[in-house]
Amino acid sequence: MLIAYTVVTVLTIVATAGIAVADFAGAGFVLANAAAVRVPRSSIPLLGAAKAAGAAGLALGLLGARAFGVAAAAGLVLFFTGAVVAHVRARVFHNMAFPGAYLALAGASLALGLAR
């Protein structure tokens, strides 16, 4: 179980940190997606900070601070659930796989973190 938790959580950290960096950099695909789901451009750095904090919390969980890892995973589950809801509300389905994949990774990290 520890190997599965470690692999899934590392994947979640890399994916979440990567999209946080894209948020901070103002990547074109981030700006286009935010506009499509009616998220104000001024909110993107805050969303990036939330993602970066989640990735950092997951890393702390891997380093032994289990409560931080579980809390971070739960926070990311809530965050990406909100992203899926925003896509559905705006009827933007063509790229639903992306927030869905992040949600699945965060959910798996949470489940495995609670199980270990």
PDB file of N, CA and C in Angstrom:
ATOM      1  N   MET A   1       0.827  -1.195   0.000  1.00  0.00           N
ATOM      2  CA  MET A   1       0.000   0.000   0.000  1.00  0.00           C
ATOM      3  C   MET A   1       0.869   1.255   0.000  1.00  0.00           C
ATOM      4  N   LEU A   2       2.002   1.206   0.675  1.00  0.00           N
ATOM      5  CA  LEU A   2       2.875   2.372   0.740  1.00  0.00           C
ATOM      6  C   LEU A   2       3.412   2.742  -0.636  1.00  0.00           C
ATOM      7  N   ILE A   3       3.720   1.737  -1.449  1.00  0.00           N
ATOM      8  CA  ILE A   3       4.238   2.018  -2.792  1.00  0.00           C
ATOM      9  C   ILE A   3       3.164   2.694  -3.636  1.00  0.00           C
ATOM     10  N   ALA A   4       1.947   2.187  -3.592  1.00  0.00           N
ATOM     11  CA  ALA A   4       0.851   2.788  -4.354  1.00  0.00           C
ATOM     12  C   ALA A   4       0.610   4.226  -3.899  1.00  0.00           C
ATOM     13  N   TYR A   5       0.573   4.437  -2.590  1.00  0.00           N
ATOM     14  CA  TYR A   5       0.383   5.787  -2.050  1.00  0.00           C
ATOM     15  C   TYR A   5       1.487   6.717  -2.535  1.00  0.00           C
ATOM     16  N   THR A   6       2.723   6.255  -2.476  1.00  0.00           N
ATOM     17  CA  THR A   6       3.853   7.093  -2.874  1.00  0.00           C
ATOM     18  C   THR A   6       3.788   7.432  -4.354  1.00  0.00           C
ATOM     19  N   VAL A   7       3.552   6.449  -5.191  1.00  0.00           N
ATOM     20  CA  VAL A   7       3.514   6.690  -6.644  1.00  0.00           C
ATOM     21  C   VAL A   7       2.376   7.636  -7.010  1.00  0.00           C
ATOM     22  N   VAL A   8       1.186   7.373  -6.509  1.00  0.00           N
ATOM     23  CA  VAL A   8       0.028   8.209  -6.839  1.00  0.00           C
ATOM     24  C   VAL A   8       0.213   9.620  -6.308  1.00  0.00           C
ATOM     25  N   THR A   9       0.738   9.738  -5.108  1.00  0.00           N
ATOM     26  CA  THR A   9       0.907  11.062  -4.515  1.00  0.00           C
ATOM     27  C   THR A   9       1.985  11.856  -5.238  1.00  0.00           C
ATOM     28  N   VAL A  10       3.059  11.209  -5.639  1.00  0.00           N
ATOM     29  CA  VAL A  10       4.091  11.909  -6.417  1.00  0.00           C
ATOM     30  C   VAL A  10       3.509  12.384  -7.751  1.00  0.00           C
ATOM     31  N   LEU A  11       2.719  11.549  -8.399  1.00  0.00           N
ATOM     32  CA  LEU A  11       2.068  11.962  -9.647  1.00  0.00           C
ATOM     33  C   LEU A  11       1.143  13.157  -9.412  1.00  0.00           C
ATOM     34  N   THR A  12       0.411  13.129  -8.316  1.00  0.00           N
ATOM     35  CA  THR A  12      -0.489  14.232  -7.987  1.00  0.00           C
ATOM     36  C   THR A  12       0.295  15.508  -7.720  1.00  0.00           C
ATOM     37  N   ILE A  13       1.396  15.392  -6.991  1.00  0.00           N
ATOM     38  CA  ILE A  13       2.238  16.563  -6.711  1.00  0.00           C
ATOM     39  C   ILE A  13       2.766  17.155  -8.012  1.00  0.00           C
ATOM     40  N   VAL A  14       3.313  16.314  -8.877  1.00  0.00           N
ATOM     41  CA  VAL A  14       3.899  16.804 -10.135  1.00  0.00           C
ATOM     42  C   VAL A  14       2.834  17.473 -11.003  1.00  0.00           C
ATOM     43  N   ALA A  15       1.686  16.830 -11.151  1.00  0.00           N
ATOM     44  CA  ALA A  15       0.618  17.388 -11.982  1.00  0.00           C
ATOM     45  C   ALA A  15       0.088  18.698 -11.408  1.00  0.00           C
ATOM     46  N   THR A  16      -0.141  18.721 -10.105  1.00  0.00           N
ATOM     47  CA  THR A  16      -0.712  19.905  -9.470  1.00  0.00           C
ATOM     48  C   THR A  16       0.288  21.055  -9.448  1.00  0.00           C
ATOM     49  N   ALA A  17       1.535  20.751  -9.139  1.00  0.00           N
ATOM     50  CA  ALA A  17       2.562  21.799  -9.162  1.00  0.00           C
ATOM     51  C   ALA A  17       2.752  22.325 -10.578  1.00  0.00           C
ATOM     52  N   GLY A  18       2.683  21.440 -11.551  1.00  0.00           N
ATOM     53  CA  GLY A  18       2.834  21.861 -12.943  1.00  0.00           C
ATOM     54  C   GLY A  18       1.753  22.828 -13.376  1.00  0.00           C
ATOM     55  N   ILE A  19       0.509  22.541 -13.027  1.00  0.00           N
ATOM     56  CA  ILE A  19      -0.573  23.448 -13.426  1.00  0.00           C
ATOM     57  C   ILE A  19      -0.530  24.732 -12.600  1.00  0.00           C
ATOM     58  N   ALA A  20      -0.015  24.665 -11.375  1.00  0.00           N
ATOM     59  CA  ALA A  20       0.160  25.887 -10.582  1.00  0.00           C
ATOM     60  C   ALA A  20       1.183  26.802 -11.255  1.00  0.00           C
ATOM     61  N   VAL A  21       2.262  26.238 -11.738  1.00  0.00           N
ATOM     62  CA  VAL A  21       3.274  27.020 -12.450  1.00  0.00           C
ATOM     63  C   VAL A  21       2.660  27.654 -13.699  1.00  0.00           C
ATOM     64  N   ALA A  22       1.841  26.885 -14.421  1.00  0.00           N
ATOM     65  CA  ALA A  22       1.170  27.432 -15.607  1.00  0.00           C
ATOM     66  C   ALA A  22       0.245  28.590 -15.221  1.00  0.00           C
ATOM     67  N   ASP A  23      -0.427  28.473 -14.079  1.00  0.00           N
ATOM     68  CA  ASP A  23      -1.265  29.570 -13.589  1.00  0.00           C
ATOM     69  C   ASP A  23      -0.422  30.807 -13.314  1.00  0.00           C
ATOM     70  N   PHE A  24       0.672  30.634 -12.600  1.00  0.00           N
ATOM     71  CA  PHE A  24       1.536  31.768 -12.257  1.00  0.00           C
ATOM     72  C   PHE A  24       2.146  32.415 -13.500  1.00  0.00           C
ATOM     73  N   ALA A  25       2.435  31.594 -14.512  1.00  0.00           N
ATOM     74  CA  ALA A  25       3.052  32.106 -15.740  1.00  0.00           C
ATOM     75  C   ALA A  25       2.021  32.754 -16.669  1.00  0.00           C
ATOM     76  N   GLY A  26       0.752  32.572 -16.376  1.00  0.00           N
ATOM     77  CA  GLY A  26      -0.292  33.116 -17.247  1.00  0.00           C
ATOM     78  C   GLY A  26      -0.299  32.444 -18.611  1.00  0.00           C
ATOM     79  N   ALA A  27      -0.115  31.138 -18.618  1.00  0.00           N
ATOM     80  CA  ALA A  27      -0.085  30.381 -19.870  1.00  0.00           C
ATOM     81  C   ALA A  27      -1.375  30.605 -20.659  1.00  0.00           C
ATOM     82  N   GLY A  28      -1.228  30.635 -21.961  1.00  0.00           N
ATOM     83  CA  GLY A  28      -2.373  30.907 -22.823  1.00  0.00           C
ATOM     84  C   GLY A  28      -3.534  29.956 -22.626  1.00  0.00           C
ATOM     85  N   PHE A  29      -3.240  28.656 -22.489  1.00  0.00           N
ATOM     86  CA  PHE A  29      -4.328  27.695 -22.305  1.00  0.00           C
ATOM     87  C   PHE A  29      -5.041  27.907 -20.971  1.00  0.00           C
ATOM     88  N   VAL A  30      -4.312  28.368 -19.959  1.00  0.00           N
ATOM     89  CA  VAL A  30      -4.939  28.654 -18.658  1.00  0.00           C
ATOM     90  C   VAL A  30      -5.883  29.840 -18.791  1.00  0.00           C
ATOM     91  N   LEU A  31      -5.415  30.895 -19.436  1.00  0.00           N
ATOM     92  CA  LEU A  31      -6.244  32.096 -19.609  1.00  0.00           C
ATOM     93  C   LEU A  31      -7.484  31.798 -20.450  1.00  0.00           C
ATOM     94  N   ALA A  32      -7.317  31.004 -21.511  1.00  0.00           N
ATOM     95  CA  ALA A  32      -8.457  30.663 -22.368  1.00  0.00           C
ATOM     96  C   ALA A  32      -9.475  29.823 -21.613  1.00  0.00           C
ATOM     97  N   ASN A  33      -8.989  28.852 -20.841  1.00  0.00           N
ATOM     98  CA  ASN A  33      -9.889  27.999 -20.079  1.00  0.00           C
ATOM     99  C   ASN A  33     -10.627  28.796 -19.011  1.00  0.00           C
ATOM    100  N   ALA A  34      -9.904  29.664 -18.327  1.00  0.00           N
ATOM    101  CA  ALA A  34     -10.542  30.490 -17.290  1.00  0.00           C
ATOM    102  C   ALA A  34     -11.625  31.378 -17.888  1.00  0.00           C
ATOM    103  N   ALA A  35     -11.347  31.962 -19.031  1.00  0.00           N
ATOM    104  CA  ALA A  35     -12.344  32.800 -19.686  1.00  0.00           C
ATOM    105  C   ALA A  35     -13.568  31.982 -20.090  1.00  0.00           C
ATOM    106  N   ALA A  36     -13.342  30.770 -20.575  1.00  0.00           N
ATOM    107  CA  ALA A  36     -14.451  29.914 -21.014  1.00  0.00           C
ATOM    108  C   ALA A  36     -15.384  29.550 -19.864  1.00  0.00           C
ATOM    109  N   VAL A  37     -14.831  29.356 -18.675  1.00  0.00           N
ATOM    110  CA  VAL A  37     -15.668  28.978 -17.527  1.00  0.00           C
ATOM    111  C   VAL A  37     -15.999  30.179 -16.638  1.00  0.00           C
ATOM    112  N   ARG A  38     -15.712  31.366 -17.153  1.00  0.00           N
ATOM    113  CA  ARG A  38     -16.061  32.638 -16.499  1.00  0.00           C
ATOM    114  C   ARG A  38     -15.376  32.835 -15.145  1.00  0.00           C
ATOM    115  N   VAL A  39     -14.094  32.493 -15.101  1.00  0.00           N
ATOM    116  CA  VAL A  39     -13.272  32.779 -13.926  1.00  0.00           C
ATOM    117  C   VAL A  39     -12.496  34.057 -14.226  1.00  0.00           C
ATOM    118  N   PRO A  40     -12.589  35.060 -13.372  1.00  0.00           N
ATOM    119  CA  PRO A  40     -11.871  36.309 -13.636  1.00  0.00           C
ATOM    120  C   PRO A  40     -10.358  36.093 -13.708  1.00  0.00           C
ATOM    121  N   ARG A  41      -9.732  36.772 -14.644  1.00  0.00           N
ATOM    122  CA  ARG A  41      -8.281  36.647 -14.821  1.00  0.00           C
ATOM    123  C   ARG A  41      -7.539  36.988 -13.531  1.00  0.00           C
ATOM    124  N   SER A  42      -8.073  37.909 -12.755  1.00  0.00           N
ATOM    125  CA  SER A  42      -7.421  38.305 -11.507  1.00  0.00           C
ATOM    126  C   SER A  42      -7.406  37.191 -10.464  1.00  0.00           C
ATOM    127  N   SER A  43      -8.252  36.189 -10.629  1.00  0.00           N
ATOM    128  CA  SER A  43      -8.310  35.067  -9.681  1.00  0.00           C
ATOM    129  C   SER A  43      -7.284  33.982  -9.974  1.00  0.00           C
ATOM    130  N   ILE A  44      -6.707  33.990 -11.153  1.00  0.00           N
ATOM    131  CA  ILE A  44      -5.816  32.899 -11.556  1.00  0.00           C
ATOM    132  C   ILE A  44      -4.607  32.751 -10.631  1.00  0.00           C
ATOM    133  N   PRO A  45      -3.929  33.844 -10.228  1.00  0.00           N
ATOM    134  CA  PRO A  45      -2.814  33.650  -9.291  1.00  0.00           C
ATOM    135  C   PRO A  45      -3.257  33.052  -7.948  1.00  0.00           C
ATOM    136  N   LEU A  46      -4.438  33.406  -7.489  1.00  0.00           N
ATOM    137  CA  LEU A  46      -4.945  32.828  -6.232  1.00  0.00           C
ATOM    138  C   LEU A  46      -5.230  31.338  -6.395  1.00  0.00           C
ATOM    139  N   LEU A  47      -5.772  30.966  -7.537  1.00  0.00           N
ATOM    140  CA  LEU A  47      -6.027  29.551  -7.803  1.00  0.00           C
ATOM    141  C   LEU A  47      -4.700  28.794  -7.911  1.00  0.00           C
ATOM    142  N   GLY A  48      -3.710  29.421  -8.531  1.00  0.00           N
ATOM    143  CA  GLY A  48      -2.375  28.811  -8.599  1.00  0.00           C
ATOM    144  C   GLY A  48      -1.777  28.622  -7.216  1.00  0.00           C
ATOM    145  N   ALA A  49      -1.984  29.616  -6.357  1.00  0.00           N
ATOM    146  CA  ALA A  49      -1.456  29.508  -4.991  1.00  0.00           C
ATOM    147  C   ALA A  49      -2.130  28.368  -4.232  1.00  0.00           C
ATOM    148  N   ALA A  50      -3.426  28.186  -4.442  1.00  0.00           N
ATOM    149  CA  ALA A  50      -4.133  27.076  -3.781  1.00  0.00           C
ATOM    150  C   ALA A  50      -3.600  25.733  -4.275  1.00  0.00           C
ATOM    151  N   LYS A  51      -3.358  25.638  -5.576  1.00  0.00           N
ATOM    152  CA  LYS A  51      -2.810  24.397  -6.129  1.00  0.00           C
ATOM    153  C   LYS A  51      -1.395  24.143  -5.601  1.00  0.00           C
ATOM    154  N   ALA A  52      -0.583  25.186  -5.557  1.00  0.00           N
ATOM    155  CA  ALA A  52       0.788  25.040  -5.045  1.00  0.00           C
ATOM    156  C   ALA A  52       0.774  24.633  -3.574  1.00  0.00           C
ATOM    157  N   ALA A  53      -0.130  25.206  -2.798  1.00  0.00           N
ATOM    158  CA  ALA A  53      -0.235  24.836  -1.390  1.00  0.00           C
ATOM    159  C   ALA A  53      -0.654  23.374  -1.249  1.00  0.00           C
ATOM    160  N   GLY A  54      -1.556  22.926  -2.109  1.00  0.00           N
ATOM    161  CA  GLY A  54      -1.959  21.521  -2.082  1.00  0.00           C
ATOM    162  C   GLY A  54      -0.802  20.595  -2.404  1.00  0.00           C
ATOM    163  N   ALA A  55      -0.031  20.954  -3.423  1.00  0.00           N
ATOM    164  CA  ALA A  55       1.133  20.142  -3.781  1.00  0.00           C
ATOM    165  C   ALA A  55       2.144  20.114  -2.643  1.00  0.00           C
ATOM    166  N   ALA A  56       2.368  21.247  -2.012  1.00  0.00           N
ATOM    167  CA  ALA A  56       3.314  21.312  -0.886  1.00  0.00           C
ATOM    168  C   ALA A  56       2.816  20.472   0.289  1.00  0.00           C
ATOM    169  N   GLY A  57       1.530  20.526   0.570  1.00  0.00           N
ATOM    170  CA  GLY A  57       0.964  19.721   1.649  1.00  0.00           C
ATOM    171  C   GLY A  57       1.087  18.231   1.381  1.00  0.00           C
ATOM    172  N   LEU A  58       0.874  17.845   0.129  1.00  0.00           N
ATOM    173  CA  LEU A  58       1.059  16.437  -0.227  1.00  0.00           C
ATOM    174  C   LEU A  58       2.512  16.011  -0.022  1.00  0.00           C
ATOM    175  N   ALA A  59       3.436  16.896  -0.384  1.00  0.00           N
ATOM    176  CA  ALA A  59       4.860  16.588  -0.189  1.00  0.00           C
ATOM    177  C   ALA A  59       5.178  16.429   1.295  1.00  0.00           C
ATOM    178  N   LEU A  60       4.613  17.291   2.121  1.00  0.00           N
ATOM    179  CA  LEU A  60       4.814  17.148   3.567  1.00  0.00           C
ATOM    180  C   LEU A  60       4.265  15.810   4.060  1.00  0.00           C
ATOM    181  N   GLY A  61       3.150  15.397   3.503  1.00  0.00           N
ATOM    182  CA  GLY A  61       2.579  14.098   3.868  1.00  0.00           C
ATOM    183  C   GLY A  61       3.514  12.947   3.514  1.00  0.00           C
ATOM    184  N   LEU A  62       4.158  13.054   2.357  1.00  0.00           N
ATOM    185  CA  LEU A  62       5.125  12.017   1.975  1.00  0.00           C
ATOM    186  C   LEU A  62       6.340  12.006   2.891  1.00  0.00           C
ATOM    187  N   LEU A  63       6.662  13.172   3.438  1.00  0.00           N
ATOM    188  CA  LEU A  63       7.830  13.283   4.315  1.00  0.00           C
ATOM    189  C   LEU A  63       7.521  12.899   5.760  1.00  0.00           C
ATOM    190  N   GLY A  64       6.289  12.481   6.019  1.00  0.00           N
ATOM    191  CA  GLY A  64       5.966  11.981   7.351  1.00  0.00           C
ATOM    192  C   GLY A  64       4.881  12.735   8.094  1.00  0.00           C
ATOM    193  N   ALA A  65       4.511  13.903   7.630  1.00  0.00           N
ATOM    194  CA  ALA A  65       3.453  14.677   8.293  1.00  0.00           C
ATOM    195  C   ALA A  65       2.111  14.249   7.691  1.00  0.00           C
ATOM    196  N   ARG A  66       1.651  13.083   8.101  1.00  0.00           N
ATOM    197  CA  ARG A  66       0.462  12.447   7.505  1.00  0.00           C
ATOM    198  C   ARG A  66      -0.746  13.370   7.493  1.00  0.00           C
ATOM    199  N   ALA A  67      -0.984  14.083   8.571  1.00  0.00           N
ATOM    200  CA  ALA A  67      -2.159  14.951   8.652  1.00  0.00           C
ATOM    201  C   ALA A  67      -2.120  16.038   7.574  1.00  0.00           C
ATOM    202  N   PHE A  68      -0.941  16.579   7.301  1.00  0.00           N
ATOM    203  CA  PHE A  68      -0.816  17.585   6.239  1.00  0.00           C
ATOM    204  C   PHE A  68      -1.149  16.974   4.882  1.00  0.00           C
ATOM    205  N   GLY A  69      -0.667  15.773   4.649  1.00  0.00           N
ATOM    206  CA  GLY A  69      -0.933  15.107   3.378  1.00  0.00           C
ATOM    207  C   GLY A  69      -2.410  14.827   3.172  1.00  0.00           C
ATOM    208  N   VAL A  70      -3.055  14.347   4.201  1.00  0.00           N
ATOM    209  CA  VAL A  70      -4.485  14.046   4.112  1.00  0.00           C
ATOM    210  C   VAL A  70      -5.276  15.341   3.934  1.00  0.00           C
ATOM    211  N   ALA A  71      -4.942  16.372   4.695  1.00  0.00           N
ATOM    212  CA  ALA A  71      -5.641  17.653   4.571  1.00  0.00           C
ATOM    213  C   ALA A  71      -5.437  18.259   3.180  1.00  0.00           C
ATOM    214  N   ALA A  72      -4.219  18.179   2.677  1.00  0.00           N
ATOM    215  CA  ALA A  72      -3.936  18.720   1.346  1.00  0.00           C
ATOM    216  C   ALA A  72      -4.708  17.956   0.276  1.00  0.00           C
ATOM    217  N   ALA A  73      -4.725  16.645   0.378  1.00  0.00           N
ATOM    218  CA  ALA A  73      -5.465  15.840  -0.597  1.00  0.00           C
ATOM    219  C   ALA A  73      -6.955  16.174  -0.542  1.00  0.00           C
ATOM    220  N   ALA A  74      -7.503  16.316   0.663  1.00  0.00           N
ATOM    221  CA  ALA A  74      -8.918  16.665   0.807  1.00  0.00           C
ATOM    222  C   ALA A  74      -9.186  18.048   0.209  1.00  0.00           C
ATOM    223  N   GLY A  75      -8.293  18.979   0.461  1.00  0.00           N
ATOM    224  CA  GLY A  75      -8.443  20.309  -0.111  1.00  0.00           C
ATOM    225  C   GLY A  75      -8.408  20.287  -1.627  1.00  0.00           C
ATOM    226  N   LEU A  76      -7.506  19.498  -2.190  1.00  0.00           N
ATOM    227  CA  LEU A  76      -7.430  19.390  -3.650  1.00  0.00           C
ATOM    228  C   LEU A  76      -8.664  18.711  -4.224  1.00  0.00           C
ATOM    229  N   VAL A  77      -9.209  17.731  -3.514  1.00  0.00           N
ATOM    230  CA  VAL A  77     -10.461  17.110  -3.966  1.00  0.00           C
ATOM    231  C   VAL A  77     -11.562  18.165  -4.040  1.00  0.00           C
ATOM    232  N   LEU A  78     -11.676  18.976  -3.003  1.00  0.00           N
ATOM    233  CA  LEU A  78     -12.688  20.042  -3.014  1.00  0.00           C
ATOM    234  C   LEU A  78     -12.413  21.049  -4.126  1.00  0.00           C
ATOM    235  N   PHE A  79     -11.161  21.432  -4.283  1.00  0.00           N
ATOM    236  CA  PHE A  79     -10.772  22.408  -5.304  1.00  0.00           C
ATOM    237  C   PHE A  79     -11.151  21.906  -6.700  1.00  0.00           C
ATOM    238  N   PHE A  80     -10.733  20.693  -7.022  1.00  0.00           N
ATOM    239  CA  PHE A  80     -10.983  20.184  -8.361  1.00  0.00           C
ATOM    240  C   PHE A  80     -12.441  19.779  -8.575  1.00  0.00           C
ATOM    241  N   THR A  81     -13.162  19.469  -7.499  1.00  0.00           N
ATOM    242  CA  THR A  81     -14.614  19.290  -7.617  1.00  0.00           C
ATOM    243  C   THR A  81     -15.235  20.617  -8.053  1.00  0.00           C
ATOM    244  N   GLY A  82     -14.769  21.703  -7.454  1.00  0.00           N
ATOM    245  CA  GLY A  82     -15.233  23.031  -7.859  1.00  0.00           C
ATOM    246  C   GLY A  82     -14.906  23.328  -9.317  1.00  0.00           C
ATOM    247  N   ALA A  83     -13.744  22.887  -9.773  1.00  0.00           N
ATOM    248  CA  ALA A  83     -13.371  23.097 -11.176  1.00  0.00           C
ATOM    249  C   ALA A  83     -14.306  22.328 -12.110  1.00  0.00           C
ATOM    250  N   VAL A  84     -14.624  21.098 -11.751  1.00  0.00           N
ATOM    251  CA  VAL A  84     -15.558  20.305 -12.561  1.00  0.00           C
ATOM    252  C   VAL A  84     -16.925  20.977 -12.575  1.00  0.00           C
ATOM    253  N   VAL A  85     -17.378  21.430 -11.420  1.00  0.00           N
ATOM    254  CA  VAL A  85     -18.674  22.111 -11.335  1.00  0.00           C
ATOM    255  C   VAL A  85     -18.664  23.379 -12.195  1.00  0.00           C
ATOM    256  N   ALA A  86     -17.572  24.127 -12.163  1.00  0.00           N
ATOM    257  CA  ALA A  86     -17.473  25.343 -12.985  1.00  0.00           C
ATOM    258  C   ALA A  86     -17.580  25.001 -14.467  1.00  0.00           C
ATOM    259  N   HIS A  87     -16.952  23.914 -14.889  1.00  0.00           N
ATOM    260  CA  HIS A  87     -17.035  23.501 -16.288  1.00  0.00           C
ATOM    261  C   HIS A  87     -18.469  23.101 -16.662  1.00  0.00           C
ATOM    262  N   VAL A  88     -19.114  22.361 -15.785  1.00  0.00           N
ATOM    263  CA  VAL A  88     -20.485  21.934 -16.058  1.00  0.00           C
ATOM    264  C   VAL A  88     -21.413  23.141 -16.090  1.00  0.00           C
ATOM    265  N   ARG A  89     -21.275  24.017 -15.126  1.00  0.00           N
ATOM    266  CA  ARG A  89     -22.122  25.210 -15.058  1.00  0.00           C
ATOM    267  C   ARG A  89     -21.990  26.061 -16.316  1.00  0.00           C
ATOM    268  N   ALA A  90     -20.753  26.184 -16.820  1.00  0.00           N
ATOM    269  CA  ALA A  90     -20.504  26.986 -18.018  1.00  0.00           C
ATOM    270  C   ALA A  90     -20.731  26.187 -19.306  1.00  0.00           C
ATOM    271  N   ARG A  91     -21.060  24.910 -19.161  1.00  0.00           N
ATOM    272  CA  ARG A  91     -21.270  24.019 -20.308  1.00  0.00           C
ATOM    273  C   ARG A  91     -20.031  23.934 -21.200  1.00  0.00           C
ATOM    274  N   VAL A  92     -18.882  23.853 -20.546  1.00  0.00           N
ATOM    275  CA  VAL A  92     -17.604  23.696 -21.247  1.00  0.00           C
ATOM    276  C   VAL A  92     -17.161  22.260 -21.021  1.00  0.00           C
ATOM    277  N   PHE A  93     -17.521  21.411 -21.971  1.00  0.00           N
ATOM    278  CA  PHE A  93     -17.270  19.986 -21.810  1.00  0.00           C
ATOM    279  C   PHE A  93     -16.082  19.481 -22.625  1.00  0.00           C
ATOM    280  N   HIS A  94     -15.604  20.266 -23.581  1.00  0.00           N
ATOM    281  CA  HIS A  94     -14.570  19.777 -24.483  1.00  0.00           C
ATOM    282  C   HIS A  94     -13.244  19.494 -23.787  1.00  0.00           C
ATOM    283  N   ASN A  95     -13.005  20.124 -22.645  1.00  0.00           N
ATOM    284  CA  ASN A  95     -11.753  19.863 -21.923  1.00  0.00           C
ATOM    285  C   ASN A  95     -12.007  19.414 -20.489  1.00  0.00           C
ATOM    286  N   MET A  96     -13.152  18.786 -20.263  1.00  0.00           N
ATOM    287  CA  MET A  96     -13.524  18.302 -18.931  1.00  0.00           C
ATOM    288  C   MET A  96     -12.556  17.240 -18.418  1.00  0.00           C
ATOM    289  N   ALA A  97     -11.844  16.586 -19.311  1.00  0.00           N
ATOM    290  CA  ALA A  97     -10.910  15.536 -18.889  1.00  0.00           C
ATOM    291  C   ALA A  97      -9.811  16.085 -17.985  1.00  0.00           C
ATOM    292  N   PHE A  98      -9.426  17.325 -18.174  1.00  0.00           N
ATOM    293  CA  PHE A  98      -8.328  17.866 -17.377  1.00  0.00           C
ATOM    294  C   PHE A  98      -8.706  18.054 -15.909  1.00  0.00           C
ATOM    295  N   PRO A  99      -9.750  18.808 -15.582  1.00  0.00           N
ATOM    296  CA  PRO A  99     -10.087  18.879 -14.146  1.00  0.00           C
ATOM    297  C   PRO A  99     -10.513  17.520 -13.599  1.00  0.00           C
ATOM    298  N   GLY A 100     -11.111  16.686 -14.456  1.00  0.00           N
ATOM    299  CA  GLY A 100     -11.480  15.343 -14.015  1.00  0.00           C
ATOM    300  C   GLY A 100     -10.270  14.498 -13.649  1.00  0.00           C
ATOM    301  N   ALA A 101      -9.210  14.617 -14.432  1.00  0.00           N
ATOM    302  CA  ALA A 101      -7.986  13.857 -14.143  1.00  0.00           C
ATOM    303  C   ALA A 101      -7.328  14.347 -12.861  1.00  0.00           C
ATOM    304  N   TYR A 102      -7.277  15.665 -12.686  1.00  0.00           N
ATOM    305  CA  TYR A 102      -6.710  16.210 -11.441  1.00  0.00           C
ATOM    306  C   TYR A 102      -7.546  15.769 -10.240  1.00  0.00           C
ATOM    307  N   LEU A 103      -8.858  15.769 -10.407  1.00  0.00           N
ATOM    308  CA  LEU A 103      -9.747  15.319  -9.333  1.00  0.00           C
ATOM    309  C   LEU A 103      -9.504  13.844  -9.020  1.00  0.00           C
ATOM    310  N   ALA A 104      -9.351  13.030 -10.042  1.00  0.00           N
ATOM    311  CA  ALA A 104      -9.101  11.598  -9.824  1.00  0.00           C
ATOM    312  C   ALA A 104      -7.778  11.378  -9.095  1.00  0.00           C
ATOM    313  N   LEU A 105      -6.746  12.105  -9.489  1.00  0.00           N
ATOM    314  CA  LEU A 105      -5.456  11.971  -8.802  1.00  0.00           C
ATOM    315  C   LEU A 105      -5.566  12.390  -7.338  1.00  0.00           C
ATOM    316  N   ALA A 106      -6.205  13.534  -7.100  1.00  0.00           N
ATOM    317  CA  ALA A 106      -6.352  14.009  -5.718  1.00  0.00           C
ATOM    318  C   ALA A 106      -7.184  13.029  -4.899  1.00  0.00           C
ATOM    319  N   GLY A 107      -8.255  12.506  -5.497  1.00  0.00           N
ATOM    320  CA  GLY A 107      -9.097  11.536  -4.795  1.00  0.00           C
ATOM    321  C   GLY A 107      -8.345  10.261  -4.463  1.00  0.00           C
ATOM    322  N   ALA A 108      -7.533   9.804  -5.399  1.00  0.00           N
ATOM    323  CA  ALA A 108      -6.733   8.602  -5.142  1.00  0.00           C
ATOM    324  C   ALA A 108      -5.700   8.867  -4.050  1.00  0.00           C
ATOM    325  N   SER A 109      -5.078  10.041  -4.075  1.00  0.00           N
ATOM    326  CA  SER A 109      -4.120  10.393  -3.022  1.00  0.00           C
ATOM    327  C   SER A 109      -4.807  10.437  -1.660  1.00  0.00           C
ATOM    328  N   LEU A 110      -6.000  10.984  -1.630  1.00  0.00           N
ATOM    329  CA  LEU A 110      -6.753  11.043  -0.372  1.00  0.00           C
ATOM    330  C   LEU A 110      -7.103   9.645   0.117  1.00  0.00           C
ATOM    331  N   ALA A 111      -7.658   8.832  -0.764  1.00  0.00           N
ATOM    332  CA  ALA A 111      -8.048   7.475  -0.364  1.00  0.00           C
ATOM    333  C   ALA A 111      -6.869   6.664   0.126  1.00  0.00           C
ATOM    334  N   LEU A 112      -5.767   6.721  -0.616  1.00  0.00           N
ATOM    335  CA  LEU A 112      -4.586   5.963  -0.212  1.00  0.00           C
ATOM    336  C   LEU A 112      -3.952   6.537   1.050  1.00  0.00           C
ATOM    337  N   GLY A 113      -4.006   7.852   1.203  1.00  0.00           N
ATOM    338  CA  GLY A 113      -3.455   8.477   2.412  1.00  0.00           C
ATOM    339  C   GLY A 113      -4.248   8.093   3.650  1.00  0.00           C
ATOM    340  N   LEU A 114      -5.551   7.996   3.500  1.00  0.00           N
ATOM    341  CA  LEU A 114      -6.383   7.579   4.634  1.00  0.00           C
ATOM    342  C   LEU A 114      -6.208   6.103   4.955  1.00  0.00           C
ATOM    343  N   ALA A 115      -5.922   5.299   3.930  1.00  0.00           N
ATOM    344  CA  ALA A 115      -5.792   3.851   4.106  1.00  0.00           C
ATOM    345  C   ALA A 115      -4.457   3.424   4.699  1.00  0.00           C
ATOM    346  N   ARG A 116      -3.458   4.283   4.616  1.00  0.00           N
ATOM    347  CA  ARG A 116      -2.133   3.835   5.079  1.00  0.00           C
ATOM    348  C   ARG A 116      -1.965   3.981   6.563  1.00  0.00           C
TER     349      ARG A 116
END
